[in-house]
PDB file of N, CA and C in Angstrom:
ATOM      1  N   MET A   1       8.969  39.565 167.152  1.00  0.00           N
ATOM      2  CA  MET A   1       9.302  39.125 165.818  1.00  0.00           C
ATOM      3  C   MET A   1      10.809  39.228 165.645  1.00  0.00           C
ATOM      4  N   ILE A   2      11.365  38.222 164.985  1.00  0.00           N
ATOM      5  CA  ILE A   2      12.787  38.214 164.653  1.00  0.00           C
ATOM      6  C   ILE A   2      12.898  38.070 163.141  1.00  0.00           C
ATOM      7  N   ILE A   3      13.712  38.930 162.542  1.00  0.00           N
ATOM      8  CA  ILE A   3      13.995  38.846 161.114  1.00  0.00           C
ATOM      9  C   ILE A   3      15.483  38.552 160.980  1.00  0.00           C
ATOM     10  N   CYS A   4      15.794  37.482 160.282  1.00  0.00           N
ATOM     11  CA  CYS A   4      17.191  37.078 160.155  1.00  0.00           C
ATOM     12  C   CYS A   4      17.489  36.704 158.710  1.00  0.00           C
ATOM     13  N   TRP A   5      18.722  36.372 158.423  1.00  0.00           N
ATOM     14  CA  TRP A   5      19.069  35.902 157.093  1.00  0.00           C
ATOM     15  C   TRP A   5      20.167  34.861 157.202  1.00  0.00           C
ATOM     16  N   GLY A   6      20.372  34.202 156.097  1.00  0.00           N
ATOM     17  CA  GLY A   6      21.404  33.176 156.045  1.00  0.00           C
ATOM     18  C   GLY A   6      21.046  31.961 156.878  1.00  0.00           C
ATOM     19  N   GLN A   7      22.040  31.390 157.498  1.00  0.00           N
ATOM     20  CA  GLN A   7      21.874  30.152 158.253  1.00  0.00           C
ATOM     21  C   GLN A   7      21.357  30.396 159.665  1.00  0.00           C
ATOM     22  N   CYS A   8      21.140  31.639 160.032  1.00  0.00           N
ATOM     23  CA  CYS A   8      20.650  31.960 161.382  1.00  0.00           C
ATOM     24  C   CYS A   8      19.287  31.346 161.665  1.00  0.00           C
ATOM     25  N   PHE A   9      18.429  31.265 160.664  1.00  0.00           N
ATOM     26  CA  PHE A   9      17.071  30.763 160.858  1.00  0.00           C
ATOM     27  C   PHE A   9      17.082  29.378 161.489  1.00  0.00           C
ATOM     28  N   GLU A  10      17.843  28.467 160.908  1.00  0.00           N
ATOM     29  CA  GLU A  10      17.920  27.099 161.428  1.00  0.00           C
ATOM     30  C   GLU A  10      18.484  27.086 162.840  1.00  0.00           C
ATOM     31  N   LYS A  11      19.514  27.884 163.065  1.00  0.00           N
ATOM     32  CA  LYS A  11      20.172  27.912 164.372  1.00  0.00           C
ATOM     33  C   LYS A  11      19.239  28.428 165.471  1.00  0.00           C
ATOM     34  N   ILE A  12      18.432  29.410 165.148  1.00  0.00           N
ATOM     35  CA  ILE A  12      17.520  29.977 166.143  1.00  0.00           C
ATOM     36  C   ILE A  12      16.589  28.907 166.702  1.00  0.00           C
ATOM     37  N   PHE A  13      16.114  28.019 165.866  1.00  0.00           N
ATOM     38  CA  PHE A  13      15.192  26.984 166.333  1.00  0.00           C
ATOM     39  C   PHE A  13      15.905  25.766 166.924  1.00  0.00           C
ATOM     40  N   SER A  14      17.174  25.584 166.580  1.00  0.00           N
ATOM     41  CA  SER A  14      17.879  24.409 167.098  1.00  0.00           C
ATOM     42  C   SER A  14      18.722  24.700 168.337  1.00  0.00           C
ATOM     43  N   ASP A  15      19.106  25.938 168.538  1.00  0.00           N
ATOM     44  CA  ASP A  15      19.964  26.300 169.677  1.00  0.00           C
ATOM     45  C   ASP A  15      19.104  26.578 170.907  1.00  0.00           C
ATOM     46  N   PRO A  16      19.291  25.820 171.987  1.00  0.00           N
ATOM     47  CA  PRO A  16      18.481  26.004 173.197  1.00  0.00           C
ATOM     48  C   PRO A  16      18.573  27.404 173.805  1.00  0.00           C
ATOM     49  N   LYS A  17      19.612  28.146 173.498  1.00  0.00           N
ATOM     50  CA  LYS A  17      19.750  29.504 174.042  1.00  0.00           C
ATOM     51  C   LYS A  17      18.633  30.431 173.563  1.00  0.00           C
ATOM     52  N   TRP A  18      18.018  30.095 172.450  1.00  0.00           N
ATOM     53  CA  TRP A  18      16.959  30.916 171.875  1.00  0.00           C
ATOM     54  C   TRP A  18      15.565  30.495 172.337  1.00  0.00           C
ATOM     55  N   HIS A  19      15.417  29.340 172.938  1.00  0.00           N
ATOM     56  CA  HIS A  19      14.100  28.751 173.205  1.00  0.00           C
ATOM     57  C   HIS A  19      13.211  29.562 174.142  1.00  0.00           C
ATOM     58  N   ASN A  20      13.763  30.396 174.995  1.00  0.00           N
ATOM     59  CA  ASN A  20      12.955  31.181 175.938  1.00  0.00           C
ATOM     60  C   ASN A  20      12.497  32.523 175.370  1.00  0.00           C
ATOM     61  N   ILE A  21      12.906  32.831 174.172  1.00  0.00           N
ATOM     62  CA  ILE A  21      12.517  34.098 173.556  1.00  0.00           C
ATOM     63  C   ILE A  21      11.108  33.948 172.975  1.00  0.00           C
ATOM     64  N   LYS A  22      10.246  34.899 173.313  1.00  0.00           N
ATOM     65  CA  LYS A  22       8.834  34.819 172.935  1.00  0.00           C
ATOM     66  C   LYS A  22       8.624  34.669 171.427  1.00  0.00           C
ATOM     67  N   ALA A  23       9.361  35.402 170.633  1.00  0.00           N
ATOM     68  CA  ALA A  23       9.204  35.305 169.178  1.00  0.00           C
ATOM     69  C   ALA A  23       9.498  33.891 168.685  1.00  0.00           C
ATOM     70  N   VAL A  24      10.451  33.229 169.297  1.00  0.00           N
ATOM     71  CA  VAL A  24      10.784  31.855 168.916  1.00  0.00           C
ATOM     72  C   VAL A  24       9.657  30.921 169.360  1.00  0.00           C
ATOM     73  N   GLN A  25       9.191  31.104 170.581  1.00  0.00           N
ATOM     74  CA  GLN A  25       8.091  30.277 171.092  1.00  0.00           C
ATOM     75  C   GLN A  25       6.833  30.439 170.239  1.00  0.00           C
ATOM     76  N   ASP A  26       6.579  31.666 169.788  1.00  0.00           N
ATOM     77  CA  ASP A  26       5.393  31.957 168.974  1.00  0.00           C
ATOM     78  C   ASP A  26       5.608  31.691 167.482  1.00  0.00           C
ATOM     79  N   LYS A  27       6.806  31.203 167.140  1.00  0.00           N
ATOM     80  CA  LYS A  27       7.174  30.939 165.740  1.00  0.00           C
ATOM     81  C   LYS A  27       7.017  32.183 164.866  1.00  0.00           C
ATOM     82  N   LYS A  28       7.489  33.297 165.393  1.00  0.00           N
ATOM     83  CA  LYS A  28       7.471  34.555 164.652  1.00  0.00           C
ATOM     84  C   LYS A  28       8.908  34.935 164.286  1.00  0.00           C
ATOM     85  N   VAL A  29       9.576  33.991 163.659  1.00  0.00           N
ATOM     86  CA  VAL A  29      10.936  34.170 163.171  1.00  0.00           C
ATOM     87  C   VAL A  29      10.871  34.021 161.656  1.00  0.00           C
ATOM     88  N   TYR A  30      11.416  34.995 160.960  1.00  0.00           N
ATOM     89  CA  TYR A  30      11.326  35.015 159.503  1.00  0.00           C
ATOM     90  C   TYR A  30      12.700  35.263 158.904  1.00  0.00           C
ATOM     91  N   THR A  31      12.910  34.684 157.764  1.00  0.00           N
ATOM     92  CA  THR A  31      14.174  34.901 157.076  1.00  0.00           C
ATOM     93  C   THR A  31      13.960  35.829 155.887  1.00  0.00           C
ATOM     94  N   VAL A  32      14.925  36.685 155.641  1.00  0.00           N
ATOM     95  CA  VAL A  32      14.868  37.616 154.520  1.00  0.00           C
ATOM     96  C   VAL A  32      15.073  36.822 153.229  1.00  0.00           C
ATOM     97  N   PRO A  33      14.167  36.938 152.272  1.00  0.00           N
ATOM     98  CA  PRO A  33      14.390  36.263 150.990  1.00  0.00           C
ATOM     99  C   PRO A  33      15.687  36.751 150.357  1.00  0.00           C
ATOM    100  N   CYS A  34      16.328  35.874 149.608  1.00  0.00           N
ATOM    101  CA  CYS A  34      17.624  36.281 149.041  1.00  0.00           C
ATOM    102  C   CYS A  34      17.906  35.600 147.706  1.00  0.00           C
ATOM    103  N   GLY A  35      17.061  35.844 146.764  1.00  0.00           N
ATOM    104  CA  GLY A  35      17.330  35.294 145.458  1.00  0.00           C
ATOM    105  C   GLY A  35      17.057  36.338 144.389  1.00  0.00           C
ATOM    106  N   PRO A  36      17.903  36.622 143.466  1.00  0.00           N
ATOM    107  CA  PRO A  36      19.272  36.136 143.415  1.00  0.00           C
ATOM    108  C   PRO A  36      20.194  36.852 144.398  1.00  0.00           C
ATOM    109  N   PHE A  37      19.736  37.932 145.006  1.00  0.00           N
ATOM    110  CA  PHE A  37      20.491  38.644 146.037  1.00  0.00           C
ATOM    111  C   PHE A  37      19.562  38.918 147.204  1.00  0.00           C
ATOM    112  N   ASN A  38      20.141  39.238 148.341  1.00  0.00           N
ATOM    113  CA  ASN A  38      19.366  39.563 149.535  1.00  0.00           C
ATOM    114  C   ASN A  38      18.400  40.700 149.223  1.00  0.00           C
ATOM    115  N   TRP A  39      17.163  40.566 149.707  1.00  0.00           N
ATOM    116  CA  TRP A  39      16.138  41.581 149.436  1.00  0.00           C
ATOM    117  C   TRP A  39      16.200  42.744 150.415  1.00  0.00           C
ATOM    118  N   PHE A  40      17.091  42.697 151.376  1.00  0.00           N
ATOM    119  CA  PHE A  40      17.056  43.675 152.454  1.00  0.00           C
ATOM    120  C   PHE A  40      18.413  44.329 152.706  1.00  0.00           C
ATOM    121  N   ASP A  41      19.463  43.584 152.543  1.00  0.00           N
ATOM    122  CA  ASP A  41      20.765  44.044 152.991  1.00  0.00           C
ATOM    123  C   ASP A  41      21.738  44.198 151.827  1.00  0.00           C
ATOM    124  N   ARG A  42      22.660  43.311 151.709  1.00  0.00           N
ATOM    125  CA  ARG A  42      23.682  43.454 150.691  1.00  0.00           C
ATOM    126  C   ARG A  42      23.719  42.241 149.786  1.00  0.00           C
ATOM    127  N   PRO A  43      24.229  42.428 148.597  1.00  0.00           N
ATOM    128  CA  PRO A  43      24.747  43.669 148.033  1.00  0.00           C
ATOM    129  C   PRO A  43      23.597  44.593 147.624  1.00  0.00           C
ATOM    130  N   PRO A  44      23.881  45.869 147.520  1.00  0.00           N
ATOM    131  CA  PRO A  44      22.835  46.785 147.060  1.00  0.00           C
ATOM    132  C   PRO A  44      22.338  46.337 145.678  1.00  0.00           C
ATOM    133  N   SER A  45      21.048  46.242 145.533  1.00  0.00           N
ATOM    134  CA  SER A  45      20.489  45.819 144.242  1.00  0.00           C
ATOM    135  C   SER A  45      19.030  46.236 144.154  1.00  0.00           C
ATOM    136  N   VAL A  46      18.451  46.000 143.004  1.00  0.00           N
ATOM    137  CA  VAL A  46      17.033  46.310 142.807  1.00  0.00           C
ATOM    138  C   VAL A  46      16.147  45.449 143.704  1.00  0.00           C
ATOM    139  N   ASN A  47      16.685  44.374 144.238  1.00  0.00           N
ATOM    140  CA  ASN A  47      15.890  43.512 145.117  1.00  0.00           C
ATOM    141  C   ASN A  47      15.407  44.249 146.357  1.00  0.00           C
ATOM    142  N   ARG A  48      16.054  45.332 146.706  1.00  0.00           N
ATOM    143  CA  ARG A  48      15.600  46.118 147.863  1.00  0.00           C
ATOM    144  C   ARG A  48      14.202  46.693 147.622  1.00  0.00           C
ATOM    145  N   ILE A  49      13.860  46.949 146.383  1.00  0.00           N
ATOM    146  CA  ILE A  49      12.513  47.437 146.065  1.00  0.00           C
ATOM    147  C   ILE A  49      11.489  46.393 146.488  1.00  0.00           C
ATOM    148  N   LEU A  50      11.713  45.166 146.084  1.00  0.00           N
ATOM    149  CA  LEU A  50      10.828  44.070 146.470  1.00  0.00           C
ATOM    150  C   LEU A  50      10.910  43.823 147.972  1.00  0.00           C
ATOM    151  N   GLY A  51      12.098  44.012 148.537  1.00  0.00           N
ATOM    152  CA  GLY A  51      12.280  43.846 149.977  1.00  0.00           C
ATOM    153  C   GLY A  51      11.421  44.804 150.793  1.00  0.00           C
ATOM    154  N   LEU A  52      11.245  46.018 150.306  1.00  0.00           N
ATOM    155  CA  LEU A  52      10.382  46.975 151.004  1.00  0.00           C
ATOM    156  C   LEU A  52       8.933  46.490 151.015  1.00  0.00           C
ATOM    157  N   LYS A  53       8.492  45.958 149.890  1.00  0.00           N
ATOM    158  CA  LYS A  53       7.125  45.424 149.839  1.00  0.00           C
ATOM    159  C   LYS A  53       6.995  44.215 150.759  1.00  0.00           C
ATOM    160  N   TRP A  54       7.982  43.334 150.722  1.00  0.00           N
ATOM    161  CA  TRP A  54       7.961  42.145 151.578  1.00  0.00           C
ATOM    162  C   TRP A  54       7.922  42.545 153.055  1.00  0.00           C
ATOM    163  N   LEU A  55       8.798  43.466 153.451  1.00  0.00           N
ATOM    164  CA  LEU A  55       8.874  43.865 154.853  1.00  0.00           C
ATOM    165  C   LEU A  55       7.609  44.589 155.303  1.00  0.00           C
ATOM    166  N   GLY A  56       7.097  45.491 154.487  1.00  0.00           N
ATOM    167  CA  GLY A  56       5.851  46.182 154.823  1.00  0.00           C
ATOM    168  C   GLY A  56       4.711  45.203 155.002  1.00  0.00           C
ATOM    169  N   ASN A  57       4.615  44.234 154.108  1.00  0.00           N
ATOM    170  CA  ASN A  57       3.573  43.219 154.181  1.00  0.00           C
ATOM    171  C   ASN A  57       3.734  42.334 155.413  1.00  0.00           C
ATOM    172  N   LEU A  58       4.973  42.038 155.788  1.00  0.00           N
ATOM    173  CA  LEU A  58       5.240  41.209 156.964  1.00  0.00           C
ATOM    174  C   LEU A  58       4.901  41.948 158.256  1.00  0.00           C
ATOM    175  N   LEU A  59       5.324  43.202 158.350  1.00  0.00           N
ATOM    176  CA  LEU A  59       5.143  43.967 159.588  1.00  0.00           C
ATOM    177  C   LEU A  59       3.751  44.573 159.731  1.00  0.00           C
ATOM    178  N   TYR A  60       3.196  45.055 158.630  1.00  0.00           N
ATOM    179  CA  TYR A  60       1.915  45.756 158.655  1.00  0.00           C
ATOM    180  C   TYR A  60       1.001  45.259 157.535  1.00  0.00           C
ATOM    181  N   PRO A  61       0.579  43.991 157.597  1.00  0.00           N
ATOM    182  CA  PRO A  61      -0.214  43.437 156.495  1.00  0.00           C
ATOM    183  C   PRO A  61      -1.547  44.138 156.278  1.00  0.00           C
ATOM    184  N   GLU A  62      -2.071  44.790 157.307  1.00  0.00           N
ATOM    185  CA  GLU A  62      -3.335  45.503 157.143  1.00  0.00           C
ATOM    186  C   GLU A  62      -3.149  46.800 156.347  1.00  0.00           C
ATOM    187  N   VAL A  63      -1.936  47.321 156.319  1.00  0.00           N
ATOM    188  CA  VAL A  63      -1.634  48.541 155.568  1.00  0.00           C
ATOM    189  C   VAL A  63      -1.072  48.193 154.188  1.00  0.00           C
ATOM    190  N   TYR A  64      -0.108  47.275 154.174  1.00  0.00           N
ATOM    191  CA  TYR A  64       0.544  46.855 152.933  1.00  0.00           C
ATOM    192  C   TYR A  64      -0.017  45.502 152.535  1.00  0.00           C
ATOM    193  N   ASP A  65      -1.225  45.541 152.031  1.00  0.00           N
ATOM    194  CA  ASP A  65      -1.989  44.342 151.733  1.00  0.00           C
ATOM    195  C   ASP A  65      -1.606  43.811 150.352  1.00  0.00           C
ATOM    196  N   TYR A  66      -0.428  43.189 150.258  1.00  0.00           N
ATOM    197  CA  TYR A  66       0.054  42.647 148.996  1.00  0.00           C
ATOM    198  C   TYR A  66      -0.065  41.128 149.008  1.00  0.00           C
ATOM    199  N   ASP A  67      -0.282  40.572 147.848  1.00  0.00           N
ATOM    200  CA  ASP A  67      -0.054  39.150 147.632  1.00  0.00           C
ATOM    201  C   ASP A  67       1.422  39.072 147.251  1.00  0.00           C
ATOM    202  N   ILE A  68       2.273  38.796 148.228  1.00  0.00           N
ATOM    203  CA  ILE A  68       3.712  38.897 148.004  1.00  0.00           C
ATOM    204  C   ILE A  68       4.184  37.890 146.954  1.00  0.00           C
ATOM    205  N   ALA A  69       3.520  36.760 146.830  1.00  0.00           N
ATOM    206  CA  ALA A  69       3.885  35.805 145.781  1.00  0.00           C
ATOM    207  C   ALA A  69       3.643  36.423 144.404  1.00  0.00           C
ATOM    208  N   LYS A  70       2.511  37.078 144.235  1.00  0.00           N
ATOM    209  CA  LYS A  70       2.194  37.738 142.958  1.00  0.00           C
ATOM    210  C   LYS A  70       3.152  38.904 142.705  1.00  0.00           C
ATOM    211  N   GLU A  71       3.423  39.688 143.739  1.00  0.00           N
ATOM    212  CA  GLU A  71       4.363  40.813 143.607  1.00  0.00           C
ATOM    213  C   GLU A  71       5.750  40.302 143.199  1.00  0.00           C
ATOM    214  N   THR A  72       6.152  39.186 143.776  1.00  0.00           N
ATOM    215  CA  THR A  72       7.456  38.602 143.460  1.00  0.00           C
ATOM    216  C   THR A  72       7.497  38.157 142.007  1.00  0.00           C
ATOM    217  N   GLN A  73       6.441  37.516 141.567  1.00  0.00           N
ATOM    218  CA  GLN A  73       6.361  37.060 140.186  1.00  0.00           C
ATOM    219  C   GLN A  73       6.445  38.238 139.209  1.00  0.00           C
ATOM    220  N   GLU A  74       5.699  39.292 139.479  1.00  0.00           N
ATOM    221  CA  GLU A  74       5.717  40.476 138.613  1.00  0.00           C
ATOM    222  C   GLU A  74       7.085  41.160 138.633  1.00  0.00           C
ATOM    223  N   PHE A  75       7.696  41.238 139.799  1.00  0.00           N
ATOM    224  CA  PHE A  75       9.000  41.870 139.947  1.00  0.00           C
ATOM    225  C   PHE A  75      10.064  41.137 139.121  1.00  0.00           C
ATOM    226  N   TYR A  76      10.089  39.819 139.255  1.00  0.00           N
ATOM    227  CA  TYR A  76      11.090  39.045 138.521  1.00  0.00           C
ATOM    228  C   TYR A  76      10.884  39.142 137.018  1.00  0.00           C
ATOM    229  N   GLN A  77       9.657  39.219 136.579  1.00  0.00           N
ATOM    230  CA  GLN A  77       9.394  39.385 135.150  1.00  0.00           C
ATOM    231  C   GLN A  77       9.887  40.754 134.676  1.00  0.00           C
ATOM    232  N   LYS A  78       9.593  41.769 135.462  1.00  0.00           N
ATOM    233  CA  LYS A  78       9.953  43.130 135.070  1.00  0.00           C
ATOM    234  C   LYS A  78      11.461  43.384 135.135  1.00  0.00           C
ATOM    235  N   PHE A  79      12.110  42.981 136.214  1.00  0.00           N
ATOM    236  CA  PHE A  79      13.521  43.321 136.409  1.00  0.00           C
ATOM    237  C   PHE A  79      14.495  42.268 135.894  1.00  0.00           C
ATOM    238  N   TYR A  80      14.106  41.010 135.894  1.00  0.00           N
ATOM    239  CA  TYR A  80      15.005  39.943 135.476  1.00  0.00           C
ATOM    240  C   TYR A  80      14.551  39.243 134.200  1.00  0.00           C
ATOM    241  N   HIS A  81      13.383  39.639 133.674  1.00  0.00           N
ATOM    242  CA  HIS A  81      12.837  39.008 132.463  1.00  0.00           C
ATOM    243  C   HIS A  81      12.790  37.496 132.633  1.00  0.00           C
ATOM    244  N   TYR A  82      12.317  37.095 133.816  1.00  0.00           N
ATOM    245  CA  TYR A  82      12.262  35.680 134.168  1.00  0.00           C
ATOM    246  C   TYR A  82      10.882  35.357 134.733  1.00  0.00           C
ATOM    247  N   ASP A  83      10.284  34.312 134.197  1.00  0.00           N
ATOM    248  CA  ASP A  83       8.980  33.869 134.682  1.00  0.00           C
ATOM    249  C   ASP A  83       9.175  32.826 135.779  1.00  0.00           C
ATOM    250  N   LEU A  84       8.865  33.214 137.003  1.00  0.00           N
ATOM    251  CA  LEU A  84       9.001  32.297 138.131  1.00  0.00           C
ATOM    252  C   LEU A  84       7.916  31.220 138.078  1.00  0.00           C
ATOM    253  N   THR A  85       8.306  30.011 138.400  1.00  0.00           N
ATOM    254  CA  THR A  85       7.334  28.933 138.546  1.00  0.00           C
ATOM    255  C   THR A  85       6.807  28.973 139.982  1.00  0.00           C
ATOM    256  N   ASP A  86       5.777  28.212 140.242  1.00  0.00           N
ATOM    257  CA  ASP A  86       5.268  28.113 141.619  1.00  0.00           C
ATOM    258  C   ASP A  86       6.336  27.557 142.549  1.00  0.00           C
ATOM    259  N   ASP A  87       7.132  26.606 142.062  1.00  0.00           N
ATOM    260  CA  ASP A  87       8.230  26.058 142.877  1.00  0.00           C
ATOM    261  C   ASP A  87       9.282  27.121 143.172  1.00  0.00           C
ATOM    262  N   ASP A  88       9.586  27.971 142.191  1.00  0.00           N
ATOM    263  CA  ASP A  88      10.540  29.068 142.405  1.00  0.00           C
ATOM    264  C   ASP A  88      10.047  29.990 143.520  1.00  0.00           C
ATOM    265  N   ILE A  89       8.777  30.352 143.456  1.00  0.00           N
ATOM    266  CA  ILE A  89       8.212  31.265 144.454  1.00  0.00           C
ATOM    267  C   ILE A  89       8.229  30.628 145.831  1.00  0.00           C
ATOM    268  N   THR A  90       7.863  29.359 145.900  1.00  0.00           N
ATOM    269  CA  THR A  90       7.902  28.652 147.182  1.00  0.00           C
ATOM    270  C   THR A  90       9.313  28.644 147.741  1.00  0.00           C
ATOM    271  N   PHE A  91      10.294  28.405 146.902  1.00  0.00           N
ATOM    272  CA  PHE A  91      11.693  28.397 147.331  1.00  0.00           C
ATOM    273  C   PHE A  91      12.127  29.780 147.806  1.00  0.00           C
ATOM    274  N   LEU A  92      11.810  30.825 147.039  1.00  0.00           N
ATOM    275  CA  LEU A  92      12.228  32.192 147.391  1.00  0.00           C
ATOM    276  C   LEU A  92      11.601  32.676 148.697  1.00  0.00           C
ATOM    277  N   LEU A  93      10.346  32.311 148.921  1.00  0.00           N
ATOM    278  CA  LEU A  93       9.620  32.835 150.089  1.00  0.00           C
ATOM    279  C   LEU A  93       9.610  31.873 151.280  1.00  0.00           C
ATOM    280  N   LYS A  94      10.348  30.779 151.167  1.00  0.00           N
ATOM    281  CA  LYS A  94      10.406  29.791 152.246  1.00  0.00           C
ATOM    282  C   LYS A  94      10.867  30.459 153.538  1.00  0.00           C
ATOM    283  N   ASP A  95      10.137  30.254 154.587  1.00  0.00           N
ATOM    284  CA  ASP A  95      10.451  30.754 155.934  1.00  0.00           C
ATOM    285  C   ASP A  95      10.428  32.277 156.050  1.00  0.00           C
ATOM    286  N   SER A  96       9.860  32.961 155.053  1.00  0.00           N
ATOM    287  CA  SER A  96       9.865  34.422 155.067  1.00  0.00           C
ATOM    288  C   SER A  96       8.523  35.015 155.482  1.00  0.00           C
ATOM    289  N   GLY A  97       7.564  34.162 155.765  1.00  0.00           N
ATOM    290  CA  GLY A  97       6.238  34.648 156.115  1.00  0.00           C
ATOM    291  C   GLY A  97       5.388  34.974 154.916  1.00  0.00           C
ATOM    292  N   GLY A  98       5.902  34.737 153.726  1.00  0.00           N
ATOM    293  CA  GLY A  98       5.179  35.090 152.516  1.00  0.00           C
ATOM    294  C   GLY A  98       4.337  33.983 151.923  1.00  0.00           C
ATOM    295  N   MET A  99       4.443  32.805 152.442  1.00  0.00           N
ATOM    296  CA  MET A  99       3.682  31.677 151.888  1.00  0.00           C
ATOM    297  C   MET A  99       2.868  31.018 152.976  1.00  0.00           C
TER     298      MET A  99
END
């Protein structure tokens, strides 16, 4: 499994140097969600709370059995007072293994 962020996701699949890596062949490459800030890295923010749920669910779904789309919706309502639409959730979780 490869977890990346930013523009690395596209490059991993387009750059031939990555093609022999098993995670790439098995399509087990995921990007860290980052709206409005990165959920895993920087800048430090409350999004790291949601990032822990996302990462646990990605790595150990049998232990962290979350509906990450629902968790994301609840998180944004609680912390940002914003009601995510289905399109918002699809955009946020694109390529992250959450949809």
